[in-house]
C-alpha atoms as a PDB file:
ATOM      1  CA  MET A   1     -12.524   4.119   7.228  1.00  0.00           C
ATOM      2  CA  ALA A   2      -9.120   6.011   6.305  1.00  0.00           C
ATOM      3  CA  ASP A   3      -7.535   5.484   3.052  1.00  0.00           C
ATOM      4  CA  HIS A   4      -4.432   3.985   4.561  1.00  0.00           C
ATOM      5  CA  GLY A   5      -2.748   3.638   8.072  1.00  0.00           C
ATOM      6  CA  LEU A   6       0.176   5.623   9.456  1.00  0.00           C
ATOM      7  CA  HIS A   7       2.765   6.443   6.927  1.00  0.00           C
ATOM      8  CA  TYR A   8       4.656   8.861   8.815  1.00  0.00           C
ATOM      9  CA  GLY A   9       6.599   9.328  12.134  1.00  0.00           C
ATOM     10  CA  ARG A  10       9.489   6.795  13.488  1.00  0.00           C
ATOM     11  CA  GLU A  11       7.402   3.774  13.871  1.00  0.00           C
ATOM     12  CA  THR A  12       7.226   3.738   9.494  1.00  0.00           C
ATOM     13  CA  TYR A  13      10.835   2.851   9.343  1.00  0.00           C
ATOM     14  CA  THR A  14       9.893  -0.605  11.257  1.00  0.00           C
ATOM     15  CA  PHE A  15       8.385  -3.532  10.460  1.00  0.00           C
ATOM     16  CA  PRO A  16       5.233  -2.811  12.362  1.00  0.00           C
ATOM     17  CA  GLY A  17       4.969   0.218  11.080  1.00  0.00           C
ATOM     18  CA  PHE A  18       5.268  -1.247   7.533  1.00  0.00           C
ATOM     19  CA  ILE A  19       2.409  -3.192   8.872  1.00  0.00           C
ATOM     20  CA  HIS A  20       0.550  -0.676   9.997  1.00  0.00           C
ATOM     21  CA  HIS A  21       0.514   1.419   6.984  1.00  0.00           C
ATOM     22  CA  LYS A  22      -1.959  -1.440   5.501  1.00  0.00           C
ATOM     23  CA  ILE A  23      -4.750  -1.364   8.115  1.00  0.00           C
ATOM     24  CA  PRO A  24      -6.517   1.815   8.205  1.00  0.00           C
ATOM     25  CA  PRO A  25      -8.614   2.447  10.720  1.00  0.00           C
ATOM     26  CA  LEU A  26     -12.461   1.822  10.458  1.00  0.00           C
ATOM     27  CA  PHE A  27     -15.269   3.648  13.091  1.00  0.00           C
ATOM     28  CA  VAL A  28     -18.703   2.911  12.569  1.00  0.00           C
ATOM     29  CA  ALA A  29     -21.654   5.334  14.395  1.00  0.00           C
ATOM     30  CA  LEU A  30     -24.947   4.094  14.053  1.00  0.00           C
ATOM     31  CA  PRO A  31     -27.904   5.567  15.365  1.00  0.00           C
ATOM     32  CA  LYS A  32     -28.996   4.366  18.797  1.00  0.00           C
ATOM     33  CA  PRO A  33     -32.795   4.062  17.858  1.00  0.00           C
ATOM     34  CA  LEU A  34     -31.800   1.533  14.925  1.00  0.00           C
ATOM     35  CA  LEU A  35     -29.501  -0.432  17.122  1.00  0.00           C
ATOM     36  CA  GLU A  36     -32.277  -0.894  19.548  1.00  0.00           C
ATOM     37  CA  GLN A  37     -34.774  -1.839  16.934  1.00  0.00           C
ATOM     38  CA  ARG A  38     -32.461  -4.652  15.377  1.00  0.00           C
ATOM     39  CA  PRO A  39     -30.004  -5.853  18.327  1.00  0.00           C
ATOM     40  CA  GLU A  40     -28.659  -8.231  16.061  1.00  0.00           C
ATOM     41  CA  PHE A  41     -27.010  -5.443  14.105  1.00  0.00           C
ATOM     42  CA  THR A  42     -24.871  -4.937  17.337  1.00  0.00           C
ATOM     43  CA  ALA A  43     -23.856  -8.433  18.006  1.00  0.00           C
ATOM     44  CA  ALA A  44     -22.590  -8.527  14.039  1.00  0.00           C
ATOM     45  CA  LEU A  45     -20.757  -5.219  14.485  1.00  0.00           C
ATOM     46  CA  GLU A  46     -19.336  -6.595  17.875  1.00  0.00           C
ATOM     47  CA  GLN A  47     -18.163  -9.677  16.086  1.00  0.00           C
ATOM     48  CA  ASN A  48     -17.010  -8.050  13.115  1.00  0.00           C
ATOM     49  CA  GLN A  49     -14.200  -6.132  14.865  1.00  0.00           C
ATOM     50  CA  ASN A  50     -12.347  -9.358  14.704  1.00  0.00           C
ATOM     51  CA  ARG A  51     -12.720 -10.107  10.936  1.00  0.00           C
ATOM     52  CA  ILE A  52     -10.549  -9.201   7.714  1.00  0.00           C
ATOM     53  CA  LEU A  53     -12.387  -6.073   6.388  1.00  0.00           C
ATOM     54  CA  SER A  54     -11.568  -3.674   3.693  1.00  0.00           C
ATOM     55  CA  HIS A  55     -14.006  -0.827   1.929  1.00  0.00           C
ATOM     56  CA  LEU A  56     -15.856  -3.366  -0.173  1.00  0.00           C
ATOM     57  CA  ASP A  57     -17.775  -4.206   2.840  1.00  0.00           C
ATOM     58  CA  LEU A  58     -18.759  -0.470   3.373  1.00  0.00           C
ATOM     59  CA  HIS A  59     -20.069  -0.378   0.157  1.00  0.00           C
ATOM     60  CA  GLN A  60     -22.530  -3.639   0.837  1.00  0.00           C
ATOM     61  CA  THR A  61     -22.819  -2.169   4.542  1.00  0.00           C
ATOM     62  CA  PHE A  62     -24.848   0.843   2.720  1.00  0.00           C
ATOM     63  CA  HIS A  63     -26.745  -0.964   0.183  1.00  0.00           C
ATOM     64  CA  HIS A  64     -27.926  -3.272   3.259  1.00  0.00           C
ATOM     65  CA  LEU A  65     -28.783  -0.348   5.215  1.00  0.00           C
ATOM     66  CA  ALA A  66     -30.413   0.940   1.883  1.00  0.00           C
ATOM     67  CA  TYR A  67     -32.528  -1.956   0.752  1.00  0.00           C
ATOM     68  CA  GLY A  68     -32.112  -4.297   3.974  1.00  0.00           C
ATOM     69  CA  ASP A  69     -36.329  -4.224   4.665  1.00  0.00           C
ATOM     70  CA  GLN A  70     -36.513  -6.667   2.645  1.00  0.00           C
ATOM     71  CA  PRO A  71     -38.154 -10.084   4.470  1.00  0.00           C
ATOM     72  CA  ALA A  72     -36.351 -13.351   3.737  1.00  0.00           C
ATOM     73  CA  PRO A  73     -38.130 -16.120   2.272  1.00  0.00           C
ATOM     74  CA  GLU A  74     -39.661 -18.884   4.639  1.00  0.00           C
ATOM     75  CA  GLY A  75     -37.095 -21.419   5.525  1.00  0.00           C
ATOM     76  CA  GLN A  76     -33.714 -19.173   4.670  1.00  0.00           C
ATOM     77  CA  SER A  77     -32.169 -17.417   7.379  1.00  0.00           C
ATOM     78  CA  TYR A  78     -31.865 -13.171   7.063  1.00  0.00           C
ATOM     79  CA  THR A  79     -28.251 -13.343   6.883  1.00  0.00           C
ATOM     80  CA  GLU A  80     -28.297 -15.824   4.364  1.00  0.00           C
ATOM     81  CA  TYR A  81     -30.608 -14.030   2.283  1.00  0.00           C
ATOM     82  CA  MET A  82     -29.632 -10.651   2.500  1.00  0.00           C
ATOM     83  CA  THR A  83     -26.111 -11.906   2.076  1.00  0.00           C
ATOM     84  CA  LYS A  84     -27.009 -12.992  -1.684  1.00  0.00           C
ATOM     85  CA  PHE A  85     -29.779 -10.337  -2.136  1.00  0.00           C
ATOM     86  CA  ILE A  86     -27.110  -6.981  -2.025  1.00  0.00           C
ATOM     87  CA  ALA A  87     -24.767  -9.414  -3.959  1.00  0.00           C
ATOM     88  CA  ASP A  88     -26.682  -9.908  -7.124  1.00  0.00           C
ATOM     89  CA  GLY A  89     -25.798  -7.257  -9.560  1.00  0.00           C
ATOM     90  CA  THR A  90     -29.152  -6.996 -10.751  1.00  0.00           C
ATOM     91  CA  PHE A  91     -31.200  -6.057  -7.564  1.00  0.00           C
ATOM     92  CA  ARG A  92     -31.267  -2.520  -8.188  1.00  0.00           C
ATOM     93  CA  ARG A  93     -33.306  -3.014 -11.021  1.00  0.00           C
ATOM     94  CA  GLN A  94     -36.238  -4.166  -8.438  1.00  0.00           C
ATOM     95  CA  PHE A  95     -36.144  -0.721  -7.371  1.00  0.00           C
ATOM     96  CA  HIS A  96     -34.683   1.668 -10.157  1.00  0.00           C
ATOM     97  CA  ASP A  97     -35.471   0.859 -13.773  1.00  0.00           C
ATOM     98  CA  ASN A  98     -31.952   2.784 -14.984  1.00  0.00           C
ATOM     99  CA  SER A  99     -29.645   1.234 -12.590  1.00  0.00           C
ATOM    100  CA  PRO A 100     -26.690  -0.635 -13.687  1.00  0.00           C
ATOM    101  CA  ASN A 101     -27.083  -4.568 -14.764  1.00  0.00           C
ATOM    102  CA  MET A 102     -23.921  -5.969 -13.533  1.00  0.00           C
ATOM    103  CA  THR A 103     -22.347  -7.190 -10.505  1.00  0.00           C
ATOM    104  CA  SER A 104     -19.496  -5.025  -9.257  1.00  0.00           C
ATOM    105  CA  TYR A 105     -16.272  -6.264  -7.544  1.00  0.00           C
ATOM    106  CA  ALA A 106     -17.453  -4.947  -4.422  1.00  0.00           C
ATOM    107  CA  GLN A 107     -21.021  -7.045  -4.472  1.00  0.00           C
ATOM    108  CA  THR A 108     -18.898 -10.049  -5.509  1.00  0.00           C
ATOM    109  CA  PHE A 109     -16.325  -9.918  -2.828  1.00  0.00           C
ATOM    110  CA  GLY A 110     -18.200  -7.183  -0.133  1.00  0.00           C
ATOM    111  CA  ARG A 111     -19.890  -8.134   2.947  1.00  0.00           C
ATOM    112  CA  SER A 112     -22.157  -5.891   5.425  1.00  0.00           C
ATOM    113  CA  LEU A 113     -20.601  -5.433   8.385  1.00  0.00           C
ATOM    114  CA  LEU A 114     -24.171  -5.688   9.648  1.00  0.00           C
ATOM    115  CA  LEU A 115     -24.102  -9.131   8.889  1.00  0.00           C
ATOM    116  CA  PRO A 116     -22.065 -11.811  10.698  1.00  0.00           C
ATOM    117  CA  ILE A 117     -18.729 -12.727   8.542  1.00  0.00           C
ATOM    118  CA  GLU A 118     -17.021 -16.165   9.000  1.00  0.00           C
ATOM    119  CA  ASN A 119     -13.959 -15.861  10.793  1.00  0.00           C
ATOM    120  CA  THR A 120     -12.004 -17.899   8.232  1.00  0.00           C
ATOM    121  CA  ARG A 121     -12.408 -15.202   6.189  1.00  0.00           C
ATOM    122  CA  SER A 122      -9.025 -14.020   4.354  1.00  0.00           C
ATOM    123  CA  CYS A 123      -7.428 -11.023   2.040  1.00  0.00           C
ATOM    124  CA  SER A 124      -8.315 -13.577  -1.108  1.00  0.00           C
ATOM    125  CA  SER A 125     -11.797 -14.380  -0.300  1.00  0.00           C
ATOM    126  CA  GLY A 126     -12.305 -10.602   1.011  1.00  0.00           C
ATOM    127  CA  GLY A 127     -11.249  -9.204  -2.532  1.00  0.00           C
ATOM    128  CA  ILE A 128      -8.012  -7.570  -1.256  1.00  0.00           C
ATOM    129  CA  PRO A 129      -5.175  -7.547  -3.540  1.00  0.00           C
ATOM    130  CA  HIS A 130      -2.137  -9.820  -2.087  1.00  0.00           C
ATOM    131  CA  ASP A 131       0.102  -6.721  -2.443  1.00  0.00           C
ATOM    132  CA  PHE A 132      -2.404  -5.022   0.138  1.00  0.00           C
ATOM    133  CA  CYS A 133      -2.618  -7.902   2.599  1.00  0.00           C
ATOM    134  CA  ALA A 134      -1.019  -7.369   5.808  1.00  0.00           C
ATOM    135  CA  PHE A 135      -2.234 -10.677   7.102  1.00  0.00           C
ATOM    136  CA  GLN A 136      -0.158 -13.148   5.311  1.00  0.00           C
ATOM    137  CA  PRO A 137       3.724 -14.328   6.587  1.00  0.00           C
ATOM    138  CA  PHE A 138       6.463 -12.333   5.659  1.00  0.00           C
ATOM    139  CA  LEU A 139       9.907 -13.166   4.857  1.00  0.00           C
ATOM    140  CA  ASP A 140      12.856 -10.825   5.947  1.00  0.00           C
ATOM    141  CA  LEU A 141      15.469 -10.974   3.228  1.00  0.00           C
ATOM    142  CA  ASP A 142      18.925 -11.599   5.046  1.00  0.00           C
ATOM    143  CA  PRO A 143      22.150  -9.872   3.567  1.00  0.00           C
ATOM    144  CA  SER A 144      24.406 -12.624   5.360  1.00  0.00           C
ATOM    145  CA  LYS A 145      23.240 -15.078   2.625  1.00  0.00           C
ATOM    146  CA  SER A 146      24.644 -14.714  -1.004  1.00  0.00           C
ATOM    147  CA  ILE A 147      21.647 -15.115  -3.000  1.00  0.00           C
ATOM    148  CA  ASP A 148      19.457 -12.505  -1.007  1.00  0.00           C
ATOM    149  CA  ALA A 149      22.498 -10.214  -0.758  1.00  0.00           C
ATOM    150  CA  THR A 150      22.793 -10.408  -4.693  1.00  0.00           C
ATOM    151  CA  PHE A 151      19.209  -9.617  -5.005  1.00  0.00           C
ATOM    152  CA  LEU A 152      19.186  -6.724  -2.604  1.00  0.00           C
ATOM    153  CA  ARG A 153      21.712  -4.971  -4.408  1.00  0.00           C
ATOM    154  CA  GLN A 154      20.459  -5.246  -7.951  1.00  0.00           C
ATOM    155  CA  SER A 155      17.060  -3.962  -6.726  1.00  0.00           C
ATOM    156  CA  LEU A 156      18.804  -0.972  -4.986  1.00  0.00           C
ATOM    157  CA  LEU A 157      20.171  -0.025  -8.254  1.00  0.00           C
ATOM    158  CA  LEU A 158      16.657  -0.411 -10.107  1.00  0.00           C
ATOM    159  CA  PHE A 159      15.711   2.253  -7.249  1.00  0.00           C
ATOM    160  CA  ALA A 160      18.654   4.580  -8.144  1.00  0.00           C
ATOM    161  CA  LYS A 161      17.750   4.245 -11.544  1.00  0.00           C
ATOM    162  CA  ARG A 162      13.974   5.281 -11.026  1.00  0.00           C
ATOM    163  CA  MET A 163      14.880   8.135  -9.094  1.00  0.00           C
ATOM    164  CA  ASN A 164      17.125   9.300 -11.578  1.00  0.00           C
ATOM    165  CA  GLU A 165      14.497   8.691 -14.039  1.00  0.00           C
ATOM    166  CA  LEU A 166      12.294  10.210 -12.392  1.00  0.00           C
ATOM    167  CA  THR A 167      14.352  13.826 -12.478  1.00  0.00           C
ATOM    168  CA  ILE A 168      14.263  13.493 -16.249  1.00  0.00           C
ATOM    169  CA  ILE A 169      10.771  12.909 -16.590  1.00  0.00           C
ATOM    170  CA  HIS A 170       9.514  16.183 -13.897  1.00  0.00           C
ATOM    171  CA  LYS A 171      12.389  18.163 -15.689  1.00  0.00           C
ATOM    172  CA  VAL A 172      14.590  18.599 -12.399  1.00  0.00           C
ATOM    173  CA  ASP A 173      17.198  17.319 -13.448  1.00  0.00           C
ATOM    174  CA  ASP A 174      19.224  20.544 -13.265  1.00  0.00           C
ATOM    175  CA  VAL A 175      17.746  20.926  -9.712  1.00  0.00           C
ATOM    176  CA  CYS A 176      18.185  17.533  -8.129  1.00  0.00           C
ATOM    177  CA  LEU A 177      21.364  15.112  -7.767  1.00  0.00           C
ATOM    178  CA  GLN A 178      21.539  12.171  -9.601  1.00  0.00           C
ATOM    179  CA  SER A 179      21.884   8.953  -7.751  1.00  0.00           C
ATOM    180  CA  SER A 180      24.804   6.954  -8.007  1.00  0.00           C
ATOM    181  CA  MET A 181      24.757   3.319  -9.764  1.00  0.00           C
ATOM    182  CA  THR A 182      28.020   2.231  -8.566  1.00  0.00           C
ATOM    183  CA  LEU A 183      27.749  -0.463  -5.686  1.00  0.00           C
ATOM    184  CA  GLN A 184      29.306  -0.467  -2.308  1.00  0.00           C
ATOM    185  CA  PRO A 185      31.266  -3.054  -1.961  1.00  0.00           C
ATOM    186  CA  LEU A 186      31.531  -3.683  -5.793  1.00  0.00           C
ATOM    187  CA  ASP A 187      31.424  -7.637  -5.554  1.00  0.00           C
ATOM    188  CA  THR A 188      28.068  -8.883  -4.768  1.00  0.00           C
ATOM    189  CA  THR A 189      28.975 -11.453  -2.254  1.00  0.00           C
ATOM    190  CA  PRO A 190      27.096 -11.978   1.027  1.00  0.00           C
ATOM    191  CA  SER A 191      27.412  -8.981   3.462  1.00  0.00           C
ATOM    192  CA  ALA A 192      30.921  -8.900   5.389  1.00  0.00           C
ATOM    193  CA  THR A 193      28.947  -8.185   8.468  1.00  0.00           C
ATOM    194  CA  GLY A 194      26.007 -10.209   7.727  1.00  0.00           C
ATOM    195  CA  SER A 195      24.022  -6.680   8.336  1.00  0.00           C
ATOM    196  CA  PHE A 196      22.593  -4.226   5.511  1.00  0.00           C
ATOM    197  CA  GLU A 197      25.405  -1.658   6.290  1.00  0.00           C
ATOM    198  CA  ASP A 198      27.399  -3.718   3.093  1.00  0.00           C
ATOM    199  CA  ILE A 199      23.887  -3.249   0.755  1.00  0.00           C
ATOM    200  CA  GLY A 200      24.254  -0.407  -0.654  1.00  0.00           C
ATOM    201  CA  THR A 201      25.563   2.162  -3.527  1.00  0.00           C
ATOM    202  CA  ALA A 202      28.236   5.293  -3.161  1.00  0.00           C
ATOM    203  CA  ASP A 203      25.105   7.549  -1.647  1.00  0.00           C
ATOM    204  CA  LEU A 204      22.309   5.209  -0.712  1.00  0.00           C
ATOM    205  CA  VAL A 205      21.827   2.035   1.787  1.00  0.00           C
ATOM    206  CA  MET A 206      19.501  -0.638   2.500  1.00  0.00           C
ATOM    207  CA  GLU A 207      18.171  -0.835   6.202  1.00  0.00           C
ATOM    208  CA  SER A 208      15.782  -3.613   5.556  1.00  0.00           C
ATOM    209  CA  ALA A 209      14.160  -5.465   3.230  1.00  0.00           C
ATOM    210  CA  TYR A 210      10.736  -7.960   3.330  1.00  0.00           C
ATOM    211  CA  ALA A 211       8.736 -10.039   0.827  1.00  0.00           C
ATOM    212  CA  SER A 212       5.338 -11.736   0.937  1.00  0.00           C
ATOM    213  CA  ALA A 213       4.353 -14.818   0.691  1.00  0.00           C
ATOM    214  CA  SER A 214       3.441 -16.161  -2.533  1.00  0.00           C
ATOM    215  CA  PRO A 215      -0.120 -15.057  -3.395  1.00  0.00           C
ATOM    216  CA  THR A 216      -3.189 -17.819  -3.197  1.00  0.00           C
ATOM    217  CA  LYS A 217      -4.633 -17.951  -6.741  1.00  0.00           C
ATOM    218  CA  GLN A 218      -8.419 -16.721  -6.165  1.00  0.00           C
ATOM    219  CA  PRO A 219     -11.028 -16.266  -9.185  1.00  0.00           C
ATOM    220  CA  GLY A 220     -11.598 -12.367 -10.220  1.00  0.00           C
ATOM    221  CA  VAL A 221      -8.719 -11.084  -7.480  1.00  0.00           C
ATOM    222  CA  GLN A 222      -6.861  -8.466  -8.653  1.00  0.00           C
ATOM    223  CA  SER A 223      -3.385  -9.417  -7.470  1.00  0.00           C
ATOM    224  CA  LYS A 224       0.083  -8.776  -9.059  1.00  0.00           C
ATOM    225  CA  GLY A 225       2.147 -11.508  -7.197  1.00  0.00           C
ATOM    226  CA  ARG A 226       4.548 -11.252  -4.445  1.00  0.00           C
ATOM    227  CA  VAL A 227       6.132  -7.949  -3.687  1.00  0.00           C
ATOM    228  CA  PHE A 228       8.821  -6.834  -2.048  1.00  0.00           C
ATOM    229  CA  TYR A 229       9.520  -4.134   0.481  1.00  0.00           C
ATOM    230  CA  PHE A 230      12.452  -2.098   1.324  1.00  0.00           C
ATOM    231  CA  MET A 231      13.647   0.928   3.669  1.00  0.00           C
ATOM    232  CA  VAL A 232      16.566   2.778   2.077  1.00  0.00           C
ATOM    233  CA  ARG A 233      18.241   5.379   3.808  1.00  0.00           C
ATOM    234  CA  ASP A 234      21.070   8.332   2.252  1.00  0.00           C
ATOM    235  CA  ARG A 235      24.280   7.907   3.354  1.00  0.00           C
ATOM    236  CA  THR A 236      25.149  11.494   3.862  1.00  0.00           C
ATOM    237  CA  ARG A 237      21.798  12.758   4.642  1.00  0.00           C
ATOM    238  CA  PRO A 238      20.933  10.093   7.756  1.00  0.00           C
ATOM    239  CA  ARG A 239      17.239  11.474   7.944  1.00  0.00           C
ATOM    240  CA  ARG A 240      16.829  11.351   4.859  1.00  0.00           C
ATOM    241  CA  LYS A 241      14.779   7.645   4.140  1.00  0.00           C
ATOM    242  CA  TYR A 242      12.626   6.224   1.708  1.00  0.00           C
ATOM    243  CA  SER A 243       9.965   3.318   1.470  1.00  0.00           C
ATOM    244  CA  ILE A 244       9.998   1.552  -1.402  1.00  0.00           C
ATOM    245  CA  THR A 245       7.271  -0.999  -2.878  1.00  0.00           C
ATOM    246  CA  MET A 246       8.504  -3.024  -6.155  1.00  0.00           C
ATOM    247  CA  GLN A 247       6.571  -5.914  -7.676  1.00  0.00           C
ATOM    248  CA  GLU A 248       8.418  -9.428  -8.227  1.00  0.00           C
ATOM    249  CA  ALA A 249       7.494  -9.197 -12.140  1.00  0.00           C
ATOM    250  CA  ASP A 250       9.135  -5.946 -12.531  1.00  0.00           C
ATOM    251  CA  MET A 251      12.005  -6.591 -10.455  1.00  0.00           C
ATOM    252  CA  VAL A 252      12.679 -10.145 -12.613  1.00  0.00           C
ATOM    253  CA  LEU A 253      12.098  -7.972 -15.780  1.00  0.00           C
ATOM    254  CA  GLY A 254      14.472  -4.791 -14.702  1.00  0.00           C
ATOM    255  CA  LEU A 255      11.114  -2.706 -14.652  1.00  0.00           C
ATOM    256  CA  THR A 256      10.882   0.405 -12.571  1.00  0.00           C
ATOM    257  CA  ASP A 257       7.535   2.237 -13.928  1.00  0.00           C
ATOM    258  CA  SER A 258       5.234   0.564 -11.324  1.00  0.00           C
ATOM    259  CA  MET A 259       7.844   0.886  -8.444  1.00  0.00           C
ATOM    260  CA  THR A 260       6.466   3.288  -5.259  1.00  0.00           C
ATOM    261  CA  ILE A 261       8.620   5.216  -3.633  1.00  0.00           C
ATOM    262  CA  GLN A 262       8.048   7.212  -0.383  1.00  0.00           C
ATOM    263  CA  GLN A 263      10.342   9.881   1.070  1.00  0.00           C
ATOM    264  CA  MET A 264       9.612   9.414   4.676  1.00  0.00           C
ATOM    265  CA  SER A 265      11.304  12.212   6.241  1.00  0.00           C
ATOM    266  CA  ALA A 266      10.944  15.478   4.224  1.00  0.00           C
ATOM    267  CA  TYR A 267      11.124  18.106   6.555  1.00  0.00           C
ATOM    268  CA  ALA A 268       9.532  21.358   5.452  1.00  0.00           C
ATOM    269  CA  ALA A 269      12.293  23.832   6.405  1.00  0.00           C
ATOM    270  CA  GLU A 270      14.806  21.578   4.642  1.00  0.00           C
ATOM    271  CA  TRP A 271      12.854  21.266   1.507  1.00  0.00           C
ATOM    272  CA  TYR A 272      11.600  24.660   0.974  1.00  0.00           C
ATOM    273  CA  PRO A 273      14.520  26.357  -1.032  1.00  0.00           C
ATOM    274  CA  CYS A 274      14.682  23.447  -3.306  1.00  0.00           C
ATOM    275  CA  ALA A 275      10.953  23.605  -3.778  1.00  0.00           C
ATOM    276  CA  GLN A 276      11.431  27.449  -4.503  1.00  0.00           C
ATOM    277  CA  ARG A 277      14.205  26.556  -7.237  1.00  0.00           C
ATOM    278  CA  ILE A 278      12.083  23.903  -9.016  1.00  0.00           C
ATOM    279  CA  THR A 279       8.929  26.247  -8.884  1.00  0.00           C
ATOM    280  CA  HIS A 280      10.559  29.329 -10.067  1.00  0.00           C
ATOM    281  CA  ALA A 281      13.671  28.610 -11.973  1.00  0.00           C
ATOM    282  CA  GLY A 282      14.811  25.863 -14.264  1.00  0.00           C
ATOM    283  CA  LYS A 283      13.592  23.242 -16.489  1.00  0.00           C
ATOM    284  CA  ALA A 284      10.612  21.945 -14.624  1.00  0.00           C
ATOM    285  CA  ILE A 285       7.313  23.158 -16.392  1.00  0.00           C
ATOM    286  CA  GLY A 286       4.281  23.980 -14.625  1.00  0.00           C
ATOM    287  CA  ARG A 287       3.708  24.008 -10.482  1.00  0.00           C
ATOM    288  CA  TRP A 288       5.992  22.349  -8.251  1.00  0.00           C
ATOM    289  CA  ARG A 289       4.052  19.188  -7.324  1.00  0.00           C
ATOM    290  CA  ASP A 290       4.551  17.726  -3.968  1.00  0.00           C
ATOM    291  CA  VAL A 291       5.658  14.140  -5.467  1.00  0.00           C
ATOM    292  CA  VAL A 292       9.050  15.447  -6.316  1.00  0.00           C
ATOM    293  CA  LYS A 293      10.072  15.958  -2.573  1.00  0.00           C
ATOM    294  CA  HIS A 294       9.871  11.993  -2.690  1.00  0.00           C
ATOM    295  CA  PHE A 295      12.919  11.430  -5.040  1.00  0.00           C
ATOM    296  CA  CYS A 296      14.766  14.902  -5.608  1.00  0.00           C
ATOM    297  CA  VAL A 297      18.057  15.563  -3.451  1.00  0.00           C
ATOM    298  CA  CYS A 298      18.997  19.297  -3.970  1.00  0.00           C
ATOM    299  CA  GLN A 299      21.984  20.023  -5.038  1.00  0.00           C
ATOM    300  CA  ALA A 300      21.954  23.336  -3.524  1.00  0.00           C
ATOM    301  CA  ALA A 301      24.454  22.827  -0.145  1.00  0.00           C
ATOM    302  CA  ASN A 302      22.172  24.933   1.755  1.00  0.00           C
ATOM    303  CA  ALA A 303      19.010  23.181   0.643  1.00  0.00           C
ATOM    304  CA  GLU A 304      19.262  19.545   1.785  1.00  0.00           C
ATOM    305  CA  ALA A 305      15.951  17.471   1.317  1.00  0.00           C
END
């Protein structure tokens, strides 16, 4: 299983690309003798291809492979018994005296891929945080609506503020340009054209915006409330685009610490001169880190990031 889905290329600028980023690929290869001996494993794997899965399920699958030869008590199905057995935080003490005596997050929400998983499974019941769930309704924010347009402009200002903060934190403010904090146009009325072209600052413009659904409360599931996702481009450097993730609670409070910025189009040939300046000159301390290119627009005219 990968750590994420597709996260570069033209598709990442689209809503399908945004969704695909949240769906990492998973490939399972098991020994043929095992599948011949346990045909129900093959049936479960085929069925579970159409279920909501995560790395938590891999954790439980490994437990199942290691301890799955335990017979089910009379009158209880193997699936029901084994699902509960490997979810019990104390079961390993039966085999290893010094094993942890606690139930992990993976044991609470994970399921073995070699056992049938119900088709009613959701991100919430599977322990997947709301902000990582691709299987939920998403709302398109509309720049032609006054409330959305105002919200989007304020979000863009928070993004510009965060990029400026990061240049100072990483001590590259002598190399990287400061992002404009001036809205264009200056008012907060709805977009005159009904498009995102009017939603921007002097150097940044919004391209698309989505909001996740309100999360369903599930005891024990790690969730931070609604999440907003934006695609933003540089007005004067059209190939430079950003994917932004912001938490609802932080946006309301005007906080930026948890904001995620992914620069989607950093070309090595363009970035190298700026990286050299950051590494060998200026105020930057220590080795240049790849993360800097996500927010740094190089001041040098011939080193456009």
